[in-house]
Amino acid sequence: MDPGYYVAAGSLKARSFELDVVANNLANAATVGYKPDQPFFAVFNKAAGSGRKLPLTGYLNDGVVFAETGVVNEQGALKATGRPLDVAIEGNAFLSIQTPAGNRVTRDGRLQIGLNGQLEAMDGNAVLGKNGQPIKVDPKNGTVSITADGTVSQSNQAVGQLDLKAYEKPGALKRMGALRFDPAGAAEAPMKATVAQGHLEESAVDSASTMVEMIRLNRLYEMSLKVASTLTNDLDERSISSVAMSS
């Protein structure tokens, strides 16, 4: 089959993946602490392995295949909420959360106090302290205070410190849902971050530029579709001609 067809088909598949990624980012433009995904692609040359001595001109034969996505760890804007259990992280760190599937990290700072006094994320999973254990407070002992270094206090008594983690390649962390990441195997880095109590980090998605990118990708998808359609029609015509000549 003509290598050009593989190039066009690869482009269609790549644009489709890219559109899915951009659409997901746009859907999370108002999600607290959300970090957008970015797709990466690899280049292939179908003609190179055909054995037909075809020209290897990149303009004609270089195609793309979807490789993977990475996380764009840009700082989101901070929004004041006035809620004592809302925390926003300024810098490169993540909160550590204990889940049934293992420890996870997140930038979602919407915390709450569980029935047993345990500091929890909004889904009920425990927030971990520096000692690797959940932080516990007394629900009846007044307002919880959280300082810039993550120290959690109540009635002027420190009860724990948020376990803030930073990583050398945060963009390579495996996403586990919209707001959680699996840190397993990731190399840690020096933590350069502060905690802002009574604030939340807004989504790092730029809605305007993301909409422009979606329009651009739609146009590229349409172009690739036209190329694939043209090549398909050409192949059909050649096949019909070949059958007619052989008969």
Protein backbone atom coordinates (compact mmCIF):
# COMPACT_ATOMS: atom_id res chain seq x y z
CA MET A 1 0.00 0.00 0.00
CA ASP A 2 1.16 3.53 -0.73
CA PRO A 3 3.22 4.90 2.22
CA GLY A 4 1.41 8.19 1.79
CA TYR A 5 -1.78 6.51 2.97
CA TYR A 6 -0.07 5.42 6.21
CA VAL A 7 1.14 8.98 6.72
CA ALA A 8 -2.39 10.34 6.30
CA ALA A 9 -3.92 7.65 8.51
CA GLY A 10 -1.27 8.22 11.18
CA SER A 11 -1.98 11.92 11.08
CA LEU A 12 -5.72 11.31 11.53
CA LYS A 13 -5.11 9.06 14.52
CA ALA A 14 -2.64 11.49 16.08
CA ARG A 15 -4.98 14.48 15.64
CA SER A 16 -7.82 12.46 17.14
CA PHE A 17 -5.74 11.68 20.23
CA GLU A 18 -4.64 15.29 20.47
CA LEU A 19 -8.23 16.53 20.24
CA ASP A 20 -9.21 14.17 23.08
CA VAL A 21 -6.40 15.55 25.26
CA VAL A 22 -7.30 19.17 24.55
CA ALA A 23 -11.01 18.51 25.12
CA ASN A 24 -10.23 16.91 28.49
CA ASN A 25 -8.09 19.90 29.47
CA LEU A 26 -10.89 22.27 28.52
CA ALA A 27 -13.41 20.23 30.53
CA ASN A 28 -11.18 20.71 33.60
CA ALA A 29 -10.65 24.45 33.16
CA ALA A 30 -12.54 25.06 36.42
CA THR A 31 -11.22 22.04 38.37
CA VAL A 32 -9.27 22.91 41.52
CA GLY A 33 -5.56 22.15 41.21
CA TYR A 34 -5.86 20.58 37.77
CA LYS A 35 -2.71 20.35 35.64
CA PRO A 36 -3.22 20.04 31.87
CA ASP A 37 -1.93 17.15 29.78
CA GLN A 38 0.27 17.60 26.74
CA PRO A 39 0.56 14.95 23.99
CA PHE A 40 3.88 13.82 22.54
CA PHE A 41 4.39 12.05 19.23
CA ALA A 42 7.01 9.90 17.52
CA VAL A 43 7.97 10.10 13.83
CA PHE A 44 8.04 7.08 11.51
CA ASN A 45 8.89 6.62 7.83
CA LYS A 46 6.77 3.86 6.33
CA ALA A 47 8.71 3.86 3.06
CA ALA A 48 11.96 3.04 4.87
CA GLY A 49 10.84 -0.50 5.71
CA SER A 50 8.86 -1.29 2.58
CA GLY A 51 11.70 -2.91 0.63
CA ARG A 52 10.35 -1.28 -2.53
CA LYS A 53 13.18 1.26 -2.93
CA LEU A 54 10.72 4.12 -2.49
CA PRO A 55 11.96 7.69 -2.07
CA LEU A 56 12.43 8.48 1.61
CA THR A 57 11.65 12.19 1.31
CA GLY A 58 10.43 13.35 4.70
CA TYR A 59 7.87 15.70 3.21
CA LEU A 60 6.11 12.73 1.61
CA ASN A 61 6.77 9.81 3.89
CA ASP A 62 7.34 11.03 7.44
CA GLY A 63 4.28 10.24 9.56
CA VAL A 64 3.47 10.49 13.25
CA VAL A 65 2.25 8.02 15.83
CA PHE A 66 0.81 8.90 19.22
CA ALA A 67 3.44 8.28 21.88
CA GLU A 68 2.23 9.42 25.30
CA THR A 69 1.02 12.34 27.34
CA GLY A 70 2.87 14.36 29.95
CA VAL A 71 1.62 16.71 32.63
CA VAL A 72 2.27 20.45 32.32
CA ASN A 73 3.08 21.48 35.88
CA GLU A 74 2.47 25.19 35.68
CA GLN A 75 1.43 27.17 38.75
CA GLY A 76 -2.28 27.92 38.85
CA ALA A 77 -3.63 31.20 40.21
CA LEU A 78 -4.51 31.27 43.93
CA LYS A 79 -8.09 32.05 44.91
CA ALA A 80 -8.96 33.15 48.43
CA THR A 81 -11.81 31.14 49.98
CA GLY A 82 -11.51 32.06 53.67
CA ARG A 83 -12.11 28.41 54.57
CA PRO A 84 -9.51 27.26 57.16
CA LEU A 85 -9.22 23.77 55.68
CA ASP A 86 -8.54 24.99 52.15
CA VAL A 87 -4.84 25.04 51.31
CA ALA A 88 -3.03 26.05 48.13
CA ILE A 89 0.57 25.16 47.34
CA GLU A 90 2.82 27.77 45.75
CA GLY A 91 5.84 26.05 44.27
CA ASN A 92 6.83 22.57 43.15
CA ALA A 93 5.30 20.42 45.89
CA PHE A 94 2.33 18.05 46.18
CA LEU A 95 0.22 16.94 49.14
CA SER A 96 0.56 13.26 50.09
CA ILE A 97 -2.65 11.23 50.31
CA GLN A 98 -3.13 7.68 51.62
CA THR A 99 -5.51 5.62 49.47
CA PRO A 100 -6.47 1.92 49.38
CA ALA A 101 -4.46 1.61 46.14
CA GLY A 102 -1.33 3.16 47.70
CA ASN A 103 0.00 6.63 48.38
CA ARG A 104 -0.89 9.33 45.89
CA VAL A 105 0.07 12.99 45.51
CA THR A 106 -2.19 15.91 44.56
CA ARG A 107 -2.46 19.68 44.29
CA ASP A 108 -6.11 19.60 45.35
CA GLY A 109 -6.09 21.35 48.73
CA ARG A 110 -9.76 20.97 49.66
CA LEU A 111 -9.39 19.27 53.05
CA GLN A 112 -11.90 18.21 55.68
CA ILE A 113 -12.00 16.63 59.13
CA GLY A 114 -13.30 13.07 59.26
CA LEU A 115 -15.50 11.58 61.96
CA ASN A 116 -12.45 10.27 63.84
CA GLY A 117 -10.65 13.63 63.67
CA GLN A 118 -8.48 12.58 60.76
CA LEU A 119 -7.48 15.24 58.25
CA GLU A 120 -8.82 14.03 54.91
CA ALA A 121 -9.14 14.89 51.24
CA MET A 122 -12.64 15.52 49.91
CA ASP A 123 -13.07 11.83 49.00
CA GLY A 124 -12.33 10.70 52.55
CA ASN A 125 -8.73 9.51 52.04
CA ALA A 126 -6.27 10.48 54.75
CA VAL A 127 -3.80 13.34 54.35
CA LEU A 128 -0.34 12.20 55.42
CA GLY A 129 2.09 13.95 57.75
CA LYS A 130 5.88 13.99 57.74
CA ASN A 131 5.91 10.82 59.85
CA GLY A 132 4.06 8.94 57.13
CA GLN A 133 0.92 8.71 59.25
CA PRO A 134 -2.44 10.48 58.92
CA ILE A 135 -2.75 13.81 60.74
CA LYS A 136 -5.40 13.89 63.47
CA VAL A 137 -7.06 16.87 65.10
CA ASP A 138 -9.84 17.30 67.66
CA PRO A 139 -13.06 18.36 65.87
CA LYS A 140 -14.22 20.01 69.12
CA ASN A 141 -11.02 21.85 69.94
CA GLY A 142 -11.30 24.95 67.79
CA THR A 143 -10.08 26.12 64.40
CA VAL A 144 -7.20 24.35 62.67
CA SER A 145 -4.25 26.54 61.68
CA ILE A 146 -1.84 25.62 58.87
CA THR A 147 1.37 27.62 58.46
CA ALA A 148 3.43 28.28 55.32
CA ASP A 149 5.67 25.25 55.98
CA GLY A 150 2.66 22.96 56.36
CA THR A 151 2.63 22.74 60.16
CA VAL A 152 -0.87 21.90 61.39
CA SER A 153 -1.80 23.39 64.78
CA GLN A 154 -4.83 23.55 67.01
CA SER A 155 -5.15 25.70 70.15
CA ASN A 156 -1.53 26.81 69.63
CA GLN A 157 -0.34 23.19 69.73
CA ALA A 158 1.30 21.56 66.70
CA VAL A 159 -0.38 18.26 65.84
CA GLY A 160 1.54 17.43 62.67
CA GLN A 161 3.07 18.73 59.46
CA LEU A 162 1.84 18.14 55.93
CA ASP A 163 4.08 15.76 54.01
CA LEU A 164 4.91 17.87 50.96
CA LYS A 165 6.70 16.06 48.14
CA ALA A 166 8.54 17.37 45.08
CA TYR A 167 9.90 15.38 42.13
CA GLU A 168 12.67 15.77 39.55
CA LYS A 169 10.29 15.05 36.66
CA PRO A 170 6.78 15.94 37.82
CA GLY A 171 5.53 15.89 34.24
CA ALA A 172 6.24 12.15 34.08
CA LEU A 173 4.07 11.27 37.09
CA LYS A 174 1.32 8.82 36.17
CA ARG A 175 -2.10 10.42 36.38
CA MET A 176 -4.59 8.52 38.53
CA GLY A 177 -7.80 10.40 37.86
CA ALA A 178 -8.04 14.12 37.25
CA LEU A 179 -6.33 15.29 40.45
CA ARG A 180 -4.17 12.43 41.71
CA PHE A 181 -0.78 11.13 40.63
CA ASP A 182 1.10 7.95 41.45
CA PRO A 183 4.61 8.83 42.72
CA ALA A 184 5.87 5.22 42.69
CA GLY A 185 9.41 5.08 41.29
CA ALA A 186 9.67 8.85 40.79
CA ALA A 187 12.90 10.47 42.00
CA GLU A 188 12.28 13.13 44.62
CA ALA A 189 13.68 16.66 44.35
CA PRO A 190 14.28 19.47 46.86
CA MET A 191 10.97 20.96 47.91
CA LYS A 192 10.60 24.67 47.15
CA ALA A 193 7.05 25.51 48.10
CA THR A 194 4.87 27.23 50.67
CA VAL A 195 1.32 26.56 51.85
CA ALA A 196 -1.35 29.26 51.76
CA GLN A 197 -4.20 28.56 54.17
CA GLY A 198 -7.65 29.76 53.19
CA HIS A 199 -6.81 29.58 49.49
CA LEU A 200 -7.18 27.11 46.63
CA GLU A 201 -5.07 26.75 43.51
CA GLU A 202 -7.20 27.16 40.40
CA SER A 203 -6.82 25.05 37.27
CA ALA A 204 -3.67 25.77 35.25
CA VAL A 205 -5.65 25.47 32.00
CA ASP A 206 -5.82 28.68 29.94
CA SER A 207 -9.35 28.44 28.50
CA ALA A 208 -8.80 30.98 25.71
CA SER A 209 -5.61 29.44 24.31
CA THR A 210 -7.04 25.93 24.71
CA MET A 211 -10.09 26.88 22.65
CA VAL A 212 -7.83 28.33 19.94
CA GLU A 213 -5.80 25.10 19.96
CA MET A 214 -8.96 23.02 19.57
CA ILE A 215 -10.02 25.06 16.52
CA ARG A 216 -6.54 24.65 15.01
CA LEU A 217 -6.60 20.87 15.57
CA ASN A 218 -10.05 20.54 14.05
CA ARG A 219 -8.78 22.22 10.88
CA LEU A 220 -5.71 19.96 10.77
CA TYR A 221 -7.93 16.91 11.27
CA GLU A 222 -10.11 17.98 8.33
CA MET A 223 -7.01 18.45 6.16
CA SER A 224 -5.71 14.98 7.05
CA LEU A 225 -9.14 13.51 6.34
CA LYS A 226 -9.17 15.08 2.87
CA VAL A 227 -5.68 13.71 2.12
CA ALA A 228 -6.68 10.21 3.27
CA SER A 229 -9.89 10.39 1.22
CA THR A 230 -8.00 11.52 -1.89
CA LEU A 231 -5.46 8.71 -1.55
CA THR A 232 -8.22 6.15 -0.98
CA ASN A 233 -10.03 7.26 -4.13
CA ASP A 234 -6.76 7.12 -6.04
CA LEU A 235 -6.10 3.57 -4.82
CA ASP A 236 -9.60 2.53 -5.82
CA GLU A 237 -9.17 3.97 -9.30
CA ARG A 238 -5.82 2.25 -9.78
CA SER A 239 -7.25 -1.07 -8.56
CA ILE A 240 -10.16 -0.83 -11.00
CA SER A 241 -7.79 0.06 -13.84
CA SER A 242 -5.51 -2.86 -12.99
CA VAL A 243 -8.42 -5.33 -12.95
CA ALA A 244 -9.71 -3.95 -16.24
CA MET A 245 -6.29 -4.28 -17.90
CA SER A 246 -5.71 -7.80 -16.63
CA SER A 247 -9.08 -8.93 -17.92
